[in-house]
């Protein structure tokens, strides 16, 4: 999943909205996730502002993907071009507030462990390293036999951000890996709905 997950960037740590939320949470700005509903005015000063500050979208998509038990590996690509590997047996917090704290700890420390097992980890891979026989859900993609081609792929890429498009570098990685671009139709879909459609395609293929 290509996400809008990131720690508050240094160029806005002194913005009044960031300082206010920092005081309320009793955390340094550099230790908090960037969140649109708290830092809206500050985010408007950033490049590509339309797709940033919505880690809640990633949270919902991850819960759905993990609950499905259909995936052998799950990776999250962040705004800072980090790659996070999530153990598919991980039980993520159901509430966003706890998920936020977990992601802040992960981005600051690099990994989350429990019972001697690594559950989430920032890994030293390039994005193209995990794009084996990949399909990318993209509104400009091919609409032919989408479910069948999703079911036959090994990697499925979903944009878990509110607006905008994949970054140029991300698109280069997709093309370098010879990814196939697919679309469910003309209408723009939410990230959560796209994730649900993918799960339905895989489930239908397993049942046939």
C-alpha atoms as a PDB file:
ATOM      1  CA  UNK A   1       0.000   0.000   0.000  1.00  0.00           C
ATOM      2  CA  UNK A   2       1.319   3.401  -0.979  1.00  0.00           C
ATOM      3  CA  UNK A   3       0.331   5.607   1.946  1.00  0.00           C
ATOM      4  CA  UNK A   4       0.341   9.156   3.325  1.00  0.00           C
ATOM      5  CA  UNK A   5       2.020   7.932   6.508  1.00  0.00           C
ATOM      6  CA  UNK A   6       4.733  10.256   7.832  1.00  0.00           C
ATOM      7  CA  UNK A   7       6.071  12.023  10.913  1.00  0.00           C
ATOM      8  CA  UNK A   8       5.486  15.807  11.004  1.00  0.00           C
ATOM      9  CA  UNK A   9       8.127  17.180   8.580  1.00  0.00           C
ATOM     10  CA  UNK A  10      10.694  19.605   9.938  1.00  0.00           C
ATOM     11  CA  UNK A  11       9.540  22.539   7.782  1.00  0.00           C
ATOM     12  CA  UNK A  12       6.262  22.870   9.718  1.00  0.00           C
ATOM     13  CA  UNK A  13       7.249  21.859  13.268  1.00  0.00           C
ATOM     14  CA  UNK A  14       6.906  25.487  14.389  1.00  0.00           C
ATOM     15  CA  UNK A  15       3.477  26.047  12.845  1.00  0.00           C
ATOM     16  CA  UNK A  16       0.865  27.099  15.404  1.00  0.00           C
ATOM     17  CA  UNK A  17      -1.394  24.097  14.700  1.00  0.00           C
ATOM     18  CA  UNK A  18       1.485  21.655  15.146  1.00  0.00           C
ATOM     19  CA  UNK A  19       2.603  23.340  18.356  1.00  0.00           C
ATOM     20  CA  UNK A  20      -0.947  23.229  19.707  1.00  0.00           C
ATOM     21  CA  UNK A  21      -1.382  19.489  19.064  1.00  0.00           C
ATOM     22  CA  UNK A  22       2.118  18.855  20.410  1.00  0.00           C
ATOM     23  CA  UNK A  23       1.200  20.503  23.711  1.00  0.00           C
ATOM     24  CA  UNK A  24      -2.113  18.651  23.948  1.00  0.00           C
ATOM     25  CA  UNK A  25      -0.485  15.274  23.331  1.00  0.00           C
ATOM     26  CA  UNK A  26       2.623  16.162  25.370  1.00  0.00           C
ATOM     27  CA  UNK A  27       4.871  15.009  22.555  1.00  0.00           C
ATOM     28  CA  UNK A  28       7.512  16.722  20.484  1.00  0.00           C
ATOM     29  CA  UNK A  29       6.335  17.599  16.980  1.00  0.00           C
ATOM     30  CA  UNK A  30       9.096  15.405  15.537  1.00  0.00           C
ATOM     31  CA  UNK A  31       7.515  12.413  17.318  1.00  0.00           C
ATOM     32  CA  UNK A  32       3.962  12.823  15.990  1.00  0.00           C
ATOM     33  CA  UNK A  33       2.225  11.673  12.836  1.00  0.00           C
ATOM     34  CA  UNK A  34       1.170  14.333  10.374  1.00  0.00           C
ATOM     35  CA  UNK A  35      -2.655  14.430  10.515  1.00  0.00           C
ATOM     36  CA  UNK A  36      -4.897  16.518   8.321  1.00  0.00           C
ATOM     37  CA  UNK A  37      -7.651  17.095  10.887  1.00  0.00           C
ATOM     38  CA  UNK A  38      -5.107  18.537  13.361  1.00  0.00           C
ATOM     39  CA  UNK A  39      -2.575  20.141  11.019  1.00  0.00           C
ATOM     40  CA  UNK A  40      -4.722  21.228   8.075  1.00  0.00           C
ATOM     41  CA  UNK A  41      -3.326  24.757   7.698  1.00  0.00           C
ATOM     42  CA  UNK A  42       0.249  23.565   8.170  1.00  0.00           C
ATOM     43  CA  UNK A  43      -0.151  20.799   5.572  1.00  0.00           C
ATOM     44  CA  UNK A  44      -1.333  23.353   3.001  1.00  0.00           C
ATOM     45  CA  UNK A  45       2.219  24.767   3.094  1.00  0.00           C
ATOM     46  CA  UNK A  46       3.735  21.443   2.030  1.00  0.00           C
ATOM     47  CA  UNK A  47       4.319  20.091  -1.455  1.00  0.00           C
ATOM     48  CA  UNK A  48       1.729  17.552  -2.637  1.00  0.00           C
ATOM     49  CA  UNK A  49      -0.480  18.658   0.255  1.00  0.00           C
ATOM     50  CA  UNK A  50      -3.608  17.076  -1.239  1.00  0.00           C
ATOM     51  CA  UNK A  51      -2.386  13.537  -0.522  1.00  0.00           C
ATOM     52  CA  UNK A  52      -0.738  14.006   2.886  1.00  0.00           C
ATOM     53  CA  UNK A  53      -1.834  13.732   6.492  1.00  0.00           C
ATOM     54  CA  UNK A  54      -4.335  10.858   6.244  1.00  0.00           C
ATOM     55  CA  UNK A  55      -2.827   7.836   8.068  1.00  0.00           C
ATOM     56  CA  UNK A  56      -6.385   6.891   9.074  1.00  0.00           C
ATOM     57  CA  UNK A  57      -6.969   5.687   5.488  1.00  0.00           C
ATOM     58  CA  UNK A  58      -4.048   3.286   5.823  1.00  0.00           C
ATOM     59  CA  UNK A  59      -5.390   2.092   9.174  1.00  0.00           C
ATOM     60  CA  UNK A  60      -8.758   1.083   7.730  1.00  0.00           C
ATOM     61  CA  UNK A  61      -7.233  -0.607   4.683  1.00  0.00           C
ATOM     62  CA  UNK A  62      -4.751  -2.566   6.780  1.00  0.00           C
ATOM     63  CA  UNK A  63      -7.446  -3.814   9.141  1.00  0.00           C
ATOM     64  CA  UNK A  64      -9.455  -5.080   6.190  1.00  0.00           C
ATOM     65  CA  UNK A  65      -6.449  -6.720   4.519  1.00  0.00           C
ATOM     66  CA  UNK A  66      -5.249  -8.405   7.709  1.00  0.00           C
ATOM     67  CA  UNK A  67      -8.743  -9.571   8.675  1.00  0.00           C
ATOM     68  CA  UNK A  68      -9.117 -11.287   5.290  1.00  0.00           C
ATOM     69  CA  UNK A  69      -6.220 -13.704   5.951  1.00  0.00           C
ATOM     70  CA  UNK A  70      -5.612 -13.795   2.184  1.00  0.00           C
ATOM     71  CA  UNK A  71      -2.163 -12.233   1.995  1.00  0.00           C
ATOM     72  CA  UNK A  72       1.199 -13.844   2.693  1.00  0.00           C
ATOM     73  CA  UNK A  73       3.037 -10.499   2.936  1.00  0.00           C
ATOM     74  CA  UNK A  74       1.953  -6.895   3.424  1.00  0.00           C
ATOM     75  CA  UNK A  75       4.159  -3.851   2.821  1.00  0.00           C
ATOM     76  CA  UNK A  76       3.477  -0.150   3.361  1.00  0.00           C
ATOM     77  CA  UNK A  77       5.294   2.521   1.365  1.00  0.00           C
ATOM     78  CA  UNK A  78       5.541   5.898   3.144  1.00  0.00           C
ATOM     79  CA  UNK A  79       5.862   9.517   2.054  1.00  0.00           C
ATOM     80  CA  UNK A  80       9.573   9.458   2.963  1.00  0.00           C
ATOM     81  CA  UNK A  81      10.060   6.432   0.686  1.00  0.00           C
ATOM     82  CA  UNK A  82      10.377   4.004   3.586  1.00  0.00           C
ATOM     83  CA  UNK A  83       9.133   0.451   3.253  1.00  0.00           C
ATOM     84  CA  UNK A  84       7.412  -1.184   6.225  1.00  0.00           C
ATOM     85  CA  UNK A  85       6.910  -4.940   6.403  1.00  0.00           C
ATOM     86  CA  UNK A  86       3.921  -6.112   8.447  1.00  0.00           C
ATOM     87  CA  UNK A  87       3.677  -9.653   9.733  1.00  0.00           C
ATOM     88  CA  UNK A  88       0.342 -10.950   8.457  1.00  0.00           C
ATOM     89  CA  UNK A  89      -0.451 -12.425  11.876  1.00  0.00           C
ATOM     90  CA  UNK A  90      -0.188  -9.018  13.521  1.00  0.00           C
ATOM     91  CA  UNK A  91      -3.299  -7.825  15.351  1.00  0.00           C
ATOM     92  CA  UNK A  92      -3.316  -4.103  14.749  1.00  0.00           C
ATOM     93  CA  UNK A  93      -5.168  -1.841  17.196  1.00  0.00           C
ATOM     94  CA  UNK A  94      -8.797  -1.400  16.170  1.00  0.00           C
ATOM     95  CA  UNK A  95      -8.966   2.198  17.388  1.00  0.00           C
ATOM     96  CA  UNK A  96      -7.183   4.889  15.408  1.00  0.00           C
ATOM     97  CA  UNK A  97      -5.670   6.543  18.500  1.00  0.00           C
ATOM     98  CA  UNK A  98      -3.780   3.374  19.439  1.00  0.00           C
ATOM     99  CA  UNK A  99      -2.789   2.764  15.811  1.00  0.00           C
ATOM    100  CA  UNK A 100      -1.388   6.308  15.664  1.00  0.00           C
ATOM    101  CA  UNK A 101       0.793   5.686  18.700  1.00  0.00           C
ATOM    102  CA  UNK A 102       2.008   2.391  17.260  1.00  0.00           C
ATOM    103  CA  UNK A 103       2.970   3.987  13.933  1.00  0.00           C
ATOM    104  CA  UNK A 104       4.779   6.837  15.687  1.00  0.00           C
ATOM    105  CA  UNK A 105       6.821   4.347  17.679  1.00  0.00           C
ATOM    106  CA  UNK A 106       7.548   2.293  14.566  1.00  0.00           C
ATOM    107  CA  UNK A 107       8.743   5.254  12.498  1.00  0.00           C
ATOM    108  CA  UNK A 108      10.954   6.493  15.334  1.00  0.00           C
ATOM    109  CA  UNK A 109      12.411   3.142  16.448  1.00  0.00           C
ATOM    110  CA  UNK A 110      12.331   1.133  13.226  1.00  0.00           C
ATOM    111  CA  UNK A 111      10.524  -1.950  14.510  1.00  0.00           C
ATOM    112  CA  UNK A 112       7.808  -3.236  16.811  1.00  0.00           C
ATOM    113  CA  UNK A 113       8.354  -6.520  18.634  1.00  0.00           C
ATOM    114  CA  UNK A 114       6.183  -8.660  20.905  1.00  0.00           C
ATOM    115  CA  UNK A 115       6.949 -12.025  22.448  1.00  0.00           C
ATOM    116  CA  UNK A 116      10.335 -12.098  20.750  1.00  0.00           C
ATOM    117  CA  UNK A 117       8.755 -11.704  17.303  1.00  0.00           C
ATOM    118  CA  UNK A 118       9.058  -8.745  14.948  1.00  0.00           C
ATOM    119  CA  UNK A 119       5.531  -7.630  14.018  1.00  0.00           C
ATOM    120  CA  UNK A 120       6.283  -4.454  12.080  1.00  0.00           C
ATOM    121  CA  UNK A 121       9.623  -3.326  10.731  1.00  0.00           C
ATOM    122  CA  UNK A 122      11.100  -0.634   8.499  1.00  0.00           C
ATOM    123  CA  UNK A 123      13.073  -2.760   6.039  1.00  0.00           C
ATOM    124  CA  UNK A 124      16.052  -1.850   3.893  1.00  0.00           C
ATOM    125  CA  UNK A 125      14.419  -2.721   0.560  1.00  0.00           C
ATOM    126  CA  UNK A 126      13.679  -0.682  -2.508  1.00  0.00           C
ATOM    127  CA  UNK A 127      10.059  -0.583  -3.593  1.00  0.00           C
ATOM    128  CA  UNK A 128      10.794  -2.516  -6.790  1.00  0.00           C
ATOM    129  CA  UNK A 129      12.303  -5.329  -4.680  1.00  0.00           C
ATOM    130  CA  UNK A 130       8.804  -6.365  -3.548  1.00  0.00           C
ATOM    131  CA  UNK A 131       6.985  -5.901  -6.861  1.00  0.00           C
ATOM    132  CA  UNK A 132       6.993  -9.490  -8.079  1.00  0.00           C
ATOM    133  CA  UNK A 133       4.401  -9.981 -10.861  1.00  0.00           C
ATOM    134  CA  UNK A 134       2.711  -6.827  -9.637  1.00  0.00           C
ATOM    135  CA  UNK A 135      -0.564  -5.192 -10.589  1.00  0.00           C
ATOM    136  CA  UNK A 136      -1.221  -1.574  -9.673  1.00  0.00           C
ATOM    137  CA  UNK A 137      -4.740  -0.259  -9.153  1.00  0.00           C
ATOM    138  CA  UNK A 138      -4.736   3.017 -11.050  1.00  0.00           C
ATOM    139  CA  UNK A 139      -7.704   4.927 -12.422  1.00  0.00           C
ATOM    140  CA  UNK A 140      -6.035   5.141 -15.860  1.00  0.00           C
ATOM    141  CA  UNK A 141      -5.293   1.419 -15.966  1.00  0.00           C
ATOM    142  CA  UNK A 142      -6.701  -1.344 -18.174  1.00  0.00           C
ATOM    143  CA  UNK A 143     -10.253  -2.477 -17.343  1.00  0.00           C
ATOM    144  CA  UNK A 144     -10.175  -5.869 -19.039  1.00  0.00           C
ATOM    145  CA  UNK A 145     -10.480  -9.047 -16.896  1.00  0.00           C
ATOM    146  CA  UNK A 146      -9.463  -7.103 -13.796  1.00  0.00           C
ATOM    147  CA  UNK A 147     -10.533  -9.681 -11.192  1.00  0.00           C
ATOM    148  CA  UNK A 148      -8.893 -12.543 -13.068  1.00  0.00           C
ATOM    149  CA  UNK A 149      -5.620 -10.678 -13.479  1.00  0.00           C
ATOM    150  CA  UNK A 150      -5.601  -9.593  -9.836  1.00  0.00           C
ATOM    151  CA  UNK A 151      -6.100 -13.197  -8.737  1.00  0.00           C
ATOM    152  CA  UNK A 152      -3.228 -14.372 -10.942  1.00  0.00           C
ATOM    153  CA  UNK A 153      -0.770 -11.740  -9.706  1.00  0.00           C
ATOM    154  CA  UNK A 154       1.661 -12.074  -6.807  1.00  0.00           C
ATOM    155  CA  UNK A 155       1.673  -8.421  -5.714  1.00  0.00           C
ATOM    156  CA  UNK A 156      -1.222  -5.948  -5.598  1.00  0.00           C
ATOM    157  CA  UNK A 157      -0.519  -2.237  -5.136  1.00  0.00           C
ATOM    158  CA  UNK A 158      -3.173   0.103  -3.735  1.00  0.00           C
ATOM    159  CA  UNK A 159      -2.910   3.849  -3.123  1.00  0.00           C
ATOM    160  CA  UNK A 160      -3.943   4.495   0.487  1.00  0.00           C
ATOM    161  CA  UNK A 161      -4.068   8.293   0.260  1.00  0.00           C
ATOM    162  CA  UNK A 162      -6.998  10.736  -0.145  1.00  0.00           C
ATOM    163  CA  UNK A 163      -6.264  12.535  -3.424  1.00  0.00           C
ATOM    164  CA  UNK A 164      -3.627  12.932  -6.093  1.00  0.00           C
ATOM    165  CA  UNK A 165      -1.599  10.256  -7.826  1.00  0.00           C
ATOM    166  CA  UNK A 166       1.392   8.017  -7.199  1.00  0.00           C
ATOM    167  CA  UNK A 167       4.666   9.917  -6.973  1.00  0.00           C
ATOM    168  CA  UNK A 168       6.927  10.039 -10.024  1.00  0.00           C
ATOM    169  CA  UNK A 169       9.552   7.884  -8.296  1.00  0.00           C
ATOM    170  CA  UNK A 170       6.896   5.365  -7.302  1.00  0.00           C
ATOM    171  CA  UNK A 171       5.665   5.164 -10.894  1.00  0.00           C
ATOM    172  CA  UNK A 172       9.242   4.618 -12.056  1.00  0.00           C
ATOM    173  CA  UNK A 173       9.556   1.710  -9.630  1.00  0.00           C
ATOM    174  CA  UNK A 174       6.304   0.215 -10.937  1.00  0.00           C
ATOM    175  CA  UNK A 175       7.489   0.477 -14.528  1.00  0.00           C
ATOM    176  CA  UNK A 176      10.950  -0.860 -13.693  1.00  0.00           C
ATOM    177  CA  UNK A 177       9.240  -3.929 -12.216  1.00  0.00           C
ATOM    178  CA  UNK A 178       7.042  -4.268 -15.341  1.00  0.00           C
ATOM    179  CA  UNK A 179       3.901  -3.880 -13.239  1.00  0.00           C
ATOM    180  CA  UNK A 180       0.492  -4.095 -14.893  1.00  0.00           C
ATOM    181  CA  UNK A 181      -1.847  -1.140 -14.359  1.00  0.00           C
ATOM    182  CA  UNK A 182      -5.511  -2.046 -13.847  1.00  0.00           C
ATOM    183  CA  UNK A 183      -8.697  -0.122 -13.104  1.00  0.00           C
ATOM    184  CA  UNK A 184     -12.108  -1.179 -11.796  1.00  0.00           C
ATOM    185  CA  UNK A 185     -13.824   1.471 -13.918  1.00  0.00           C
ATOM    186  CA  UNK A 186     -14.275   5.145 -14.690  1.00  0.00           C
ATOM    187  CA  UNK A 187     -15.454   6.159 -11.226  1.00  0.00           C
ATOM    188  CA  UNK A 188     -12.871   7.097  -8.627  1.00  0.00           C
ATOM    189  CA  UNK A 189     -12.884   4.606  -5.761  1.00  0.00           C
ATOM    190  CA  UNK A 190     -11.928   5.142  -2.151  1.00  0.00           C
ATOM    191  CA  UNK A 191      -8.871   3.234  -0.963  1.00  0.00           C
ATOM    192  CA  UNK A 192     -11.007   1.172   1.384  1.00  0.00           C
ATOM    193  CA  UNK A 193     -13.462   0.209  -1.336  1.00  0.00           C
ATOM    194  CA  UNK A 194     -10.616  -0.699  -3.707  1.00  0.00           C
ATOM    195  CA  UNK A 195      -9.119  -2.919  -1.004  1.00  0.00           C
ATOM    196  CA  UNK A 196     -12.506  -4.573  -0.526  1.00  0.00           C
ATOM    197  CA  UNK A 197     -12.839  -5.188  -4.278  1.00  0.00           C
ATOM    198  CA  UNK A 198      -9.392  -6.789  -4.385  1.00  0.00           C
ATOM    199  CA  UNK A 199     -10.287  -9.102  -1.493  1.00  0.00           C
ATOM    200  CA  UNK A 200     -13.529 -10.074  -3.238  1.00  0.00           C
ATOM    201  CA  UNK A 201     -11.649 -10.883  -6.470  1.00  0.00           C
ATOM    202  CA  UNK A 202      -9.184 -13.135  -4.657  1.00  0.00           C
ATOM    203  CA  UNK A 203     -11.903 -14.812  -2.606  1.00  0.00           C
ATOM    204  CA  UNK A 204     -14.026 -15.548  -5.690  1.00  0.00           C
ATOM    205  CA  UNK A 205     -11.040 -17.093  -7.434  1.00  0.00           C
ATOM    206  CA  UNK A 206     -10.316 -19.333  -4.425  1.00  0.00           C
ATOM    207  CA  UNK A 207     -13.910 -20.530  -4.353  1.00  0.00           C
ATOM    208  CA  UNK A 208     -14.022 -21.409  -8.057  1.00  0.00           C
END
